[in-house]
Protein backbone atom coordinates (compact mmCIF):
# COMPACT_ATOMS: atom_id res chain seq x y z
CA MET A 1 -0.45 42.68 38.57
CA ILE A 2 -0.26 43.09 34.78
CA ILE A 3 -2.38 39.97 34.24
CA GLN A 4 -4.92 41.09 36.82
CA ALA A 5 -5.21 44.45 35.09
CA PHE A 6 -5.54 42.58 31.76
CA LEU A 7 -8.45 40.52 33.07
CA ARG A 8 -10.29 43.61 34.33
CA TRP A 9 -9.72 45.36 31.03
CA VAL A 10 -10.90 42.40 28.94
CA GLU A 11 -14.38 42.53 30.44
CA THR A 12 -15.10 45.94 28.87
CA ALA A 13 -12.73 46.06 25.85
CA LYS A 14 -13.96 46.01 22.29
CA THR A 15 -13.63 42.84 20.20
CA GLY A 16 -10.78 44.14 18.07
CA ASP A 17 -8.79 45.14 21.14
CA ARG A 18 -9.41 41.74 22.76
CA VAL A 19 -8.19 39.99 19.62
CA ARG A 20 -4.91 41.91 19.69
CA ALA A 21 -4.56 41.35 23.43
CA ALA A 22 -5.13 37.57 23.12
CA GLU A 23 -2.50 37.38 20.38
CA ALA A 24 -0.01 39.42 22.45
CA LEU A 25 -0.61 37.28 25.54
CA GLY A 26 -0.09 34.06 23.60
CA ARG A 27 3.09 35.31 21.92
CA ALA A 28 4.53 36.51 25.23
CA TYR A 29 3.91 33.10 26.78
CA VAL A 30 5.49 31.30 23.83
CA ALA A 31 8.49 33.62 23.83
CA ALA A 32 9.08 32.87 27.53
CA GLU A 33 9.09 36.55 28.43
CA MET A 34 7.71 35.87 31.92
CA ASN A 35 8.86 34.69 35.30
CA THR A 36 7.36 31.67 37.09
CA LEU A 37 4.54 33.58 38.74
CA ASP A 38 3.65 35.35 35.52
CA TYR A 39 3.41 32.01 33.72
CA HIS A 40 0.75 30.81 36.10
CA ALA A 41 -1.17 34.05 35.81
CA ALA A 42 -0.88 33.96 32.00
CA GLU A 43 -2.25 30.41 31.92
CA MET A 44 -5.20 31.57 34.03
CA ALA A 45 -5.76 34.45 31.63
CA MET A 46 -5.65 32.18 28.56
CA THR A 47 -8.08 29.81 30.24
CA PHE A 48 -10.36 32.78 30.88
CA LEU A 49 -10.19 33.73 27.18
CA LEU A 50 -11.53 30.30 26.22
CA ASP A 51 -14.95 31.59 27.25
CA ASP A 52 -14.69 34.83 25.27
CA PRO A 53 -17.94 35.34 23.31
CA SER A 54 -16.09 36.26 20.12
CA PRO A 55 -14.62 33.38 18.05
CA LYS A 56 -12.08 35.87 16.66
CA VAL A 57 -10.51 36.19 20.09
CA ARG A 58 -10.24 32.45 20.57
CA LEU A 59 -8.83 32.06 17.05
CA ALA A 60 -6.17 34.70 17.74
CA LEU A 61 -5.13 32.85 20.89
CA ALA A 62 -5.07 29.50 19.07
CA GLU A 63 -2.87 30.78 16.25
CA ALA A 64 -0.46 32.41 18.70
CA ILE A 65 0.13 29.27 20.78
CA ALA A 66 -0.42 26.48 18.21
CA ASP A 67 3.27 25.62 17.75
CA CYS A 68 4.28 25.73 21.41
CA ALA A 69 4.89 22.47 23.29
CA ARG A 70 4.62 24.11 26.74
CA ILE A 71 0.97 25.12 26.52
CA PRO A 72 -1.19 23.31 29.14
CA ARG A 73 -3.15 20.39 27.65
CA SER A 74 -6.39 21.72 29.08
CA ILE A 75 -6.10 24.86 26.95
CA VAL A 76 -5.09 23.02 23.77
CA LEU A 77 -7.81 20.39 24.12
CA SER A 78 -10.45 23.07 24.72
CA LEU A 79 -9.36 24.95 21.60
CA ALA A 80 -9.30 21.67 19.61
CA GLU A 81 -12.99 21.26 20.35
CA ASP A 82 -13.90 24.87 19.57
CA GLN A 83 -15.47 26.13 16.35
CA PRO A 84 -13.84 24.68 13.21
CA GLU A 85 -11.51 27.54 12.29
CA THR A 86 -10.17 27.79 15.83
CA ALA A 87 -9.96 24.04 16.28
CA TYR A 88 -8.08 23.51 13.02
CA ALA A 89 -5.38 25.96 14.07
CA VAL A 90 -4.27 23.75 16.98
CA ILE A 91 -5.23 20.36 15.51
CA SER A 92 -3.02 20.95 12.49
CA ARG A 93 0.06 22.12 14.41
CA SER A 94 0.05 21.61 18.17
CA PRO A 95 2.78 19.27 19.48
CA VAL A 96 0.82 18.99 22.73
CA LEU A 97 -1.71 16.67 21.09
CA ASN A 98 -0.53 13.06 21.34
CA ASP A 99 -1.56 10.07 19.24
CA MET A 100 -4.49 9.20 21.49
CA ASP A 101 -5.79 12.77 21.30
CA LEU A 102 -5.60 12.78 17.52
CA VAL A 103 -7.24 9.37 17.17
CA ASP A 104 -10.06 10.52 19.44
CA LEU A 105 -10.49 13.76 17.49
CA ALA A 106 -10.55 11.82 14.22
CA ALA A 107 -13.16 9.40 15.53
CA LYS A 108 -15.62 12.01 16.75
CA GLY A 109 -14.77 14.79 14.34
CA THR A 110 -16.01 15.77 10.90
CA PRO A 111 -14.40 14.87 7.56
CA GLU A 112 -12.78 18.31 7.63
CA THR A 113 -11.27 17.55 11.04
CA ARG A 114 -9.83 14.28 9.74
CA ALA A 115 -8.46 16.06 6.69
CA VAL A 116 -6.62 18.52 8.93
CA ILE A 117 -5.22 15.67 11.02
CA ALA A 118 -4.18 13.78 7.87
CA ALA A 119 -2.06 16.73 6.78
CA ARG A 120 -0.12 17.01 10.06
CA GLN A 121 3.64 16.74 10.00
CA ALA A 122 5.31 13.64 11.44
CA MET A 123 2.13 11.58 11.13
CA SER A 124 2.50 8.43 13.26
CA ARG A 125 1.35 4.93 12.31
CA PRO A 126 -1.52 4.75 14.86
CA VAL A 127 -3.01 8.03 13.68
CA ALA A 128 -2.58 7.04 10.02
CA ALA A 129 -4.33 3.75 10.80
CA ALA A 130 -7.26 5.63 12.38
CA ILE A 131 -7.69 7.87 9.34
CA ALA A 132 -7.41 4.85 7.04
CA GLU A 133 -10.12 3.02 8.97
CA ILE A 134 -12.80 5.71 8.98
CA GLY A 135 -11.68 8.39 6.53
CA GLY A 136 -13.38 9.07 3.23
CA GLU A 137 -11.76 9.56 -0.16
CA GLU A 138 -10.60 13.15 0.37
CA GLU A 139 -9.11 12.56 3.82
CA VAL A 140 -7.33 9.40 2.65
CA LEU A 141 -5.88 11.15 -0.40
CA ILE A 142 -4.49 13.90 1.84
CA LEU A 143 -3.03 11.21 4.10
CA LEU A 144 -1.40 9.35 1.19
CA GLU A 145 0.03 12.59 -0.19
CA ASN A 146 1.53 13.47 3.20
CA GLU A 147 5.21 12.63 2.69
CA GLN A 148 5.83 12.54 6.45
CA ALA A 149 3.05 10.07 7.20
CA ARG A 150 4.16 6.59 8.27
CA PHE A 151 2.14 3.52 7.37
CA SER A 152 2.15 -0.07 8.53
CA CYS A 153 1.59 -2.87 6.02
CA ARG A 154 -1.76 -3.56 7.68
CA THR A 155 -2.88 0.04 7.14
CA LEU A 156 -1.98 -0.03 3.46
CA LYS A 157 -3.83 -3.33 3.03
CA ARG A 158 -6.84 -1.88 4.82
CA LEU A 159 -6.87 1.12 2.49
CA SER A 160 -6.68 -1.25 -0.46
CA ASP A 161 -9.66 -3.22 0.83
CA ARG A 162 -11.79 -0.21 1.81
CA LEU A 163 -11.16 2.27 -0.97
CA GLY A 164 -9.26 0.40 -3.66
CA HIS A 165 -12.31 0.62 -5.93
CA LEU A 166 -11.77 4.39 -6.17
CA TRP A 167 -9.32 5.17 -8.97
CA SER A 168 -7.81 8.15 -7.15
CA VAL A 169 -6.95 6.14 -4.04
CA ARG A 170 -5.92 3.12 -6.10
CA ASN A 171 -3.44 5.15 -8.16
CA CYS A 172 -1.86 6.69 -5.06
CA LEU A 173 -1.45 3.25 -3.49
CA LEU A 174 0.02 1.69 -6.63
CA ASP A 175 2.61 4.49 -6.80
CA ARG A 176 3.96 3.55 -3.36
CA ASP A 177 7.08 1.40 -3.12
CA ASP A 178 6.06 0.13 0.34
CA LEU A 179 2.70 -1.29 -0.76
CA PRO A 180 2.64 -5.01 0.19
CA ALA A 181 2.63 -7.38 -2.77
CA ASP A 182 -0.71 -8.99 -1.94
CA ALA A 183 -2.40 -5.59 -1.66
CA ARG A 184 -0.81 -4.52 -4.95
CA HIS A 185 -2.19 -7.60 -6.68
CA ALA A 186 -5.65 -6.98 -5.25
CA LEU A 187 -5.56 -3.47 -6.71
CA VAL A 188 -4.40 -4.75 -10.09
CA GLU A 189 -7.35 -7.14 -10.05
CA LYS A 190 -9.65 -4.18 -9.42
CA VAL A 191 -8.09 -2.34 -12.36
CA GLY A 192 -8.74 -5.37 -14.52
CA ALA A 193 -12.32 -5.64 -13.30
CA ALA A 194 -12.91 -1.98 -14.06
CA LEU A 195 -11.52 -2.33 -17.59
CA SER A 196 -13.40 -5.55 -18.35
CA GLY A 197 -16.64 -3.97 -17.16
CA PHE A 198 -16.25 -0.96 -19.44
CA GLY A 199 -19.01 -1.15 -22.03
CA LEU A 200 -16.98 0.37 -24.88
CA VAL A 201 -14.21 -2.22 -24.47
CA GLN A 202 -16.71 -5.08 -24.39
CA ALA A 203 -18.41 -3.80 -27.52
CA ALA A 204 -15.09 -3.45 -29.34
CA ILE A 205 -13.55 -6.88 -28.71
CA GLY A 206 -16.27 -8.97 -27.08
CA GLU A 207 -17.03 -9.79 -23.46
CA ARG A 208 -15.40 -13.25 -23.39
CA ARG A 209 -12.21 -12.03 -25.02
CA VAL A 210 -12.04 -9.10 -22.62
CA GLU A 211 -12.27 -11.49 -19.68
CA ARG A 212 -9.52 -13.70 -21.09
CA ILE A 213 -7.20 -10.80 -21.89
CA THR A 214 -7.81 -9.27 -18.48
CA ARG A 215 -7.12 -12.55 -16.72
CA GLU A 216 -3.87 -13.09 -18.64
CA ALA A 217 -2.75 -9.50 -17.99
CA CYS A 218 -3.44 -9.88 -14.26
CA ASP A 219 -1.51 -13.15 -14.21
CA ARG A 220 1.48 -11.51 -15.92
CA ALA A 221 1.34 -8.66 -13.44
CA ALA A 222 1.17 -11.11 -10.53
CA VAL A 223 4.20 -13.03 -11.81
CA GLY A 224 6.09 -9.76 -12.08
CA MET A 225 5.13 -8.92 -8.49
CA ALA A 226 6.26 -12.36 -7.39
CA GLY A 227 9.75 -11.61 -8.69
CA ALA A 228 9.87 -8.13 -7.20
CA ALA A 229 8.33 -8.91 -3.80
CA GLN A 230 10.53 -8.95 -0.72
CA ALA A 231 11.14 -12.36 0.82
CA ASP A 232 8.97 -11.66 3.87
CA GLN A 233 6.03 -10.63 1.65
CA ILE A 234 6.01 -13.72 -0.58
CA PRO A 235 4.02 -15.99 1.80
CA ASP A 236 1.28 -13.36 2.14
CA LEU A 237 1.16 -12.92 -1.64
CA VAL A 238 0.92 -16.68 -2.13
CA GLU A 239 -1.91 -16.96 0.40
CA HIS A 240 -3.73 -14.05 -1.22
CA LEU A 241 -3.48 -15.70 -4.64
CA ARG A 242 -4.67 -19.02 -3.24
CA VAL A 243 -7.69 -17.49 -1.53
CA THR A 244 -8.65 -15.56 -4.66
CA GLY A 245 -8.34 -18.66 -6.85
CA ARG A 246 -5.36 -17.41 -8.84
CA LEU A 247 -2.91 -20.12 -7.79
CA THR A 248 -3.74 -22.33 -10.77
CA PRO A 249 -1.40 -24.85 -12.51
CA ALA A 250 -1.09 -22.43 -15.44
CA PHE A 251 -0.08 -19.61 -13.12
CA LEU A 252 2.44 -21.80 -11.26
CA LEU A 253 4.00 -22.95 -14.52
CA HIS A 254 4.20 -19.33 -15.68
CA ALA A 255 6.06 -18.42 -12.49
CA LEU A 256 8.42 -21.38 -12.81
CA CYS A 257 9.20 -20.77 -16.47
CA SER A 258 9.81 -17.11 -15.66
CA GLY A 259 12.44 -18.06 -13.08
CA LYS A 260 10.43 -16.92 -10.04
CA VAL A 261 11.64 -19.96 -8.11
CA ASP A 262 11.39 -18.44 -4.61
CA PHE A 263 7.76 -17.63 -5.23
CA PHE A 264 7.14 -21.03 -6.82
CA ALA A 265 8.69 -22.79 -3.83
CA ALA A 266 6.56 -20.75 -1.42
CA ALA A 267 3.45 -21.67 -3.41
CA ILE A 268 4.26 -25.38 -3.22
CA VAL A 269 4.86 -25.03 0.53
CA ASN A 270 1.43 -23.41 0.87
CA LEU A 271 -0.36 -26.01 -1.24
CA SER A 272 1.39 -29.14 0.00
CA ALA A 273 1.95 -28.27 3.69
CA VAL A 274 5.50 -29.65 3.28
CA ALA A 275 8.17 -27.71 5.19
CA ASP A 276 9.90 -24.92 3.28
CA LYS A 277 13.37 -26.40 3.78
CA ARG A 278 12.21 -29.78 2.44
CA VAL A 279 10.52 -28.25 -0.61
CA ARG A 280 13.61 -26.25 -1.56
CA SER A 281 15.81 -29.30 -1.09
CA ILE A 282 13.67 -31.37 -3.44
CA LEU A 283 13.52 -28.63 -6.05
CA SER A 284 17.29 -28.14 -5.92
CA ASP A 285 18.56 -31.72 -5.71
CA GLY A 286 15.66 -34.19 -5.54
CA ARG A 287 15.16 -36.99 -8.05
CA ILE A 288 12.34 -36.74 -10.54
CA HIS A 289 10.13 -39.18 -8.61
CA ALA A 290 10.49 -37.08 -5.45
CA ILE A 291 9.72 -33.93 -7.44
CA ARG A 292 6.59 -35.45 -8.94
CA ALA A 293 5.46 -36.74 -5.55
CA LEU A 294 5.90 -33.26 -4.10
CA PHE A 295 3.83 -31.67 -6.87
CA GLU A 296 1.10 -34.27 -6.58
CA SER A 297 0.89 -33.61 -2.83
CA ALA A 298 0.27 -29.98 -3.80
CA GLY A 299 -2.77 -31.04 -5.81
CA LEU A 300 -1.32 -31.31 -9.33
CA GLY A 301 -2.49 -34.23 -11.47
CA ARG A 302 -0.06 -36.97 -12.51
CA ASP A 303 0.28 -35.82 -16.13
CA VAL A 304 0.68 -32.20 -15.05
CA SER A 305 3.21 -33.12 -12.34
CA ALA A 306 5.40 -34.73 -15.00
CA LEU A 307 5.43 -31.50 -16.98
CA PHE A 308 6.31 -29.48 -13.90
CA ALA A 309 9.07 -31.93 -13.01
CA GLU A 310 10.58 -31.54 -16.47
CA ALA A 311 10.47 -27.76 -16.08
CA VAL A 312 12.31 -28.02 -12.75
CA LEU A 313 15.04 -30.19 -14.29
CA ILE A 314 15.47 -27.72 -17.15
CA TRP A 315 15.61 -24.85 -14.66
CA ARG A 316 18.32 -26.64 -12.67
CA LYS A 317 20.45 -27.16 -15.75
CA GLU A 318 20.10 -23.61 -17.02
CA ASN A 319 20.57 -22.12 -13.55
CA ARG A 320 23.81 -24.02 -12.98
CA SER A 321 25.16 -23.08 -16.39
CA GLY A 322 24.31 -19.43 -15.79
CA SER A 323 22.52 -19.24 -19.13
CA ALA A 324 20.87 -15.98 -20.15
CA GLY A 325 17.31 -16.01 -21.43
CA MET A 326 16.24 -18.75 -19.06
CA THR A 327 12.55 -18.14 -19.69
CA ALA A 328 12.90 -18.66 -23.42
CA THR A 329 15.01 -21.80 -22.87
CA ILE A 330 12.61 -23.47 -20.44
CA SER A 331 9.58 -22.58 -22.55
CA ALA A 332 11.18 -23.72 -25.80
CA ILE A 333 12.41 -27.06 -24.44
CA LEU A 334 9.10 -27.84 -22.75
CA LEU A 335 7.18 -26.91 -25.88
CA SER A 336 9.32 -29.15 -28.08
CA LYS A 337 8.85 -32.08 -25.70
CA LEU A 338 5.10 -31.64 -25.62
CA ARG A 339 4.90 -31.44 -29.40
CA GLY A 340 6.96 -34.60 -29.66
CA ARG A 341 4.39 -36.58 -27.76
CA ARG A 342 1.66 -38.33 -29.67
CA GLN A 343 -1.01 -37.74 -27.08
CA THR A 344 -1.47 -35.13 -24.43
CA SER A 345 -4.21 -34.71 -21.88
CA ASP A 346 -6.51 -31.70 -21.90
CA ALA A 347 -4.61 -30.27 -18.94
CA SER A 348 -1.23 -30.67 -20.64
CA GLY A 349 -2.66 -29.26 -23.85
CA GLY A 350 -3.83 -26.15 -22.06
CA LEU A 351 -0.43 -25.72 -20.43
CA ALA A 352 1.23 -26.20 -23.82
CA ASP A 353 -0.72 -23.20 -25.13
CA LEU A 354 0.52 -21.18 -22.18
CA ILE A 355 4.11 -22.27 -22.74
CA GLU A 356 3.91 -21.28 -26.38
CA LYS A 357 2.60 -17.83 -25.41
CA LEU A 358 5.44 -17.44 -22.92
CA SER A 359 7.98 -18.41 -25.55
CA ILE A 360 6.53 -15.97 -28.09
CA ALA A 361 6.38 -13.16 -25.52
CA GLU A 362 10.01 -13.76 -24.57
CA GLN A 363 11.09 -13.74 -28.22
CA ARG A 364 9.31 -10.43 -28.78
CA GLN A 365 10.89 -8.93 -25.67
CA THR A 366 14.32 -10.10 -26.83
CA ALA A 367 13.70 -8.45 -30.20
CA ARG A 368 12.66 -5.20 -28.53
CA ASP A 369 15.75 -5.22 -26.33
CA TYR A 370 17.94 -5.88 -29.36
CA ALA A 371 16.34 -3.06 -31.34
CA LEU A 372 16.77 -0.65 -28.43
CA LEU A 373 20.42 -1.56 -28.03
CA ALA A 374 21.05 -1.21 -31.76
CA ALA A 375 19.39 2.21 -31.78
CA ARG A 376 21.57 3.39 -28.91
CA GLU A 377 24.75 2.16 -30.56
CA ALA A 378 23.76 3.84 -33.82
CA ALA A 379 23.21 7.12 -32.00
């Protein structure tokens, strides 16, 4: 009887009174201050208010019921497709909306609608994937800043591919610990491309030198990622580097001399099509002829394969002895052997330059570590 009287009154009440009445009705429903029959009548009344000519009335109803999980879907979905202010009230908060509803709203909605969805609590992977696929910079930034949003590796890679050229999105992605290694490397490459294309930098040190410095910096970053990547991400990182042309002999030697043996083994598996178990067995215990044959099956030339085989033998010795500073040891021994040879091929000569740079870089890092330790002890 109360609801029937309410419906008769609504038809002639002023807008302000209808706003207060819609809010009171919604709150009473949410607070469960009704019996079973009253619930049904209240739902009919709320459905009737969906056609109220004033958006203020519909907004008041939406805000009153937005957090309630018992509201009929028909009411919530109608409000979600109302004018923006009313729609955002339920889209941002309503637990009635499931993943499919949110994906559908994101697909047919405006950038503002997607931004509201991106800020929702307990953001699921399917909804995050939908925003990542069609969202613009602002919506994606809101999504990445949502601490409750859950992402799959595929979604993070997709964001890297779609919007990694934007510095704001790129920085947010690079700050994430769960960013897959191959996506991280792709973003680092984009950073390098952006820096090398900067006119002021080119004018200061020359275009060719910028390209070389950028390439070397990206290689160092990739080797660092190779050591930090989780085991299940290494094959994807290797494949990414192969496809992008980064899996060069110089890069492989850098990884080996730096002690990134798991990554190095995965790279040889990828290049040679030899089984992982067999590759690791040869690297750990195989004779030098077997090692060279393995490297040559991966596409390395005969003179280069000999250098790699020597590096593997040095790594074995240092690894078994538990020696510290393995990078410096491998680099120094290889460099001394190359210098002791009367003739070297162009390929070996280029690798010798790399080895010397690795050795110098390791010496400088050792000196920095020593200076830091001495400063702490002095303090």
